[in-house]
Amino acid sequence: MSQLIKLIQALIPKSQSQLDDDYLAQAADIYDLELRMGELQGRVRPRTLGLALAGSGR
């Protein structure tokens, strides 16, 4: 029965705040956490943009 409940819960979409909390919880250290917090608050550009520009030869 508990497997059925887990399956149903997995199908229910998470709220944006829960997704944000999960994203922050994946931080490797305090610096990564601060970077992720800045990304969510819109203060820091996403890391993927910086990597794309760094690899473009500019």
Protein backbone atom coordinates (compact mmCIF):
# COMPACT_ATOMS: atom_id res chain seq x y z
CA MET A 1 0.00 0.00 0.00
CA SER A 2 2.82 2.44 0.80
CA GLN A 3 4.29 1.88 -2.68
CA LEU A 4 0.99 3.02 -4.19
CA ILE A 5 1.01 6.18 -2.07
CA LYS A 6 4.61 6.94 -3.09
CA LEU A 7 3.68 6.50 -6.75
CA ILE A 8 0.72 8.84 -6.45
CA GLN A 9 2.82 11.45 -4.63
CA ALA A 10 5.45 11.26 -7.36
CA LEU A 11 2.81 12.11 -9.96
CA ILE A 12 1.56 15.20 -8.11
CA PRO A 13 3.39 18.31 -9.32
CA LYS A 14 5.51 20.12 -6.74
CA SER A 15 5.04 23.79 -5.94
CA GLN A 16 7.65 26.31 -7.07
CA SER A 17 8.77 26.84 -3.49
CA GLN A 18 9.29 23.09 -3.05
CA LEU A 19 11.29 22.95 -6.28
CA ASP A 20 13.40 25.89 -5.07
CA ASP A 21 13.99 24.21 -1.70
CA ASP A 22 15.04 20.99 -3.42
CA TYR A 23 17.42 22.93 -5.68
CA LEU A 24 19.01 24.70 -2.70
CA ALA A 25 19.31 21.43 -0.78
CA GLN A 26 21.54 20.06 -3.56
CA ALA A 27 24.24 22.68 -2.88
CA ALA A 28 27.66 21.17 -2.29
CA ASP A 29 28.90 23.84 0.12
CA ILE A 30 28.07 27.31 1.47
CA TYR A 31 29.47 29.04 -1.63
CA ASP A 32 27.35 26.90 -3.92
CA LEU A 33 24.33 27.62 -1.71
CA GLU A 34 24.92 31.37 -1.92
CA LEU A 35 25.27 31.16 -5.70
CA ARG A 36 22.06 29.17 -6.00
CA MET A 37 20.23 31.62 -3.74
CA GLY A 38 21.41 34.49 -5.93
CA GLU A 39 20.24 32.68 -9.05
CA LEU A 40 16.78 32.19 -7.57
CA GLN A 41 16.57 35.82 -6.51
CA GLY A 42 17.65 36.98 -9.95
CA ARG A 43 20.78 38.76 -8.71
CA VAL A 44 23.27 36.44 -10.38
CA ARG A 45 23.16 35.18 -13.93
CA PRO A 46 22.80 31.41 -14.25
CA ARG A 47 26.07 29.46 -14.28
CA THR A 48 25.28 27.90 -17.65
CA LEU A 49 25.30 31.33 -19.32
CA GLY A 50 28.76 32.07 -17.94
CA LEU A 51 30.04 28.72 -19.11
CA ALA A 52 28.58 29.24 -22.58
CA LEU A 53 30.26 32.64 -22.89
CA ALA A 54 33.56 31.36 -21.55
CA GLY A 55 33.63 28.57 -24.12
CA SER A 56 32.69 30.76 -27.07
CA GLY A 57 36.19 32.25 -27.49
CA ARG A 58 35.22 35.79 -26.54
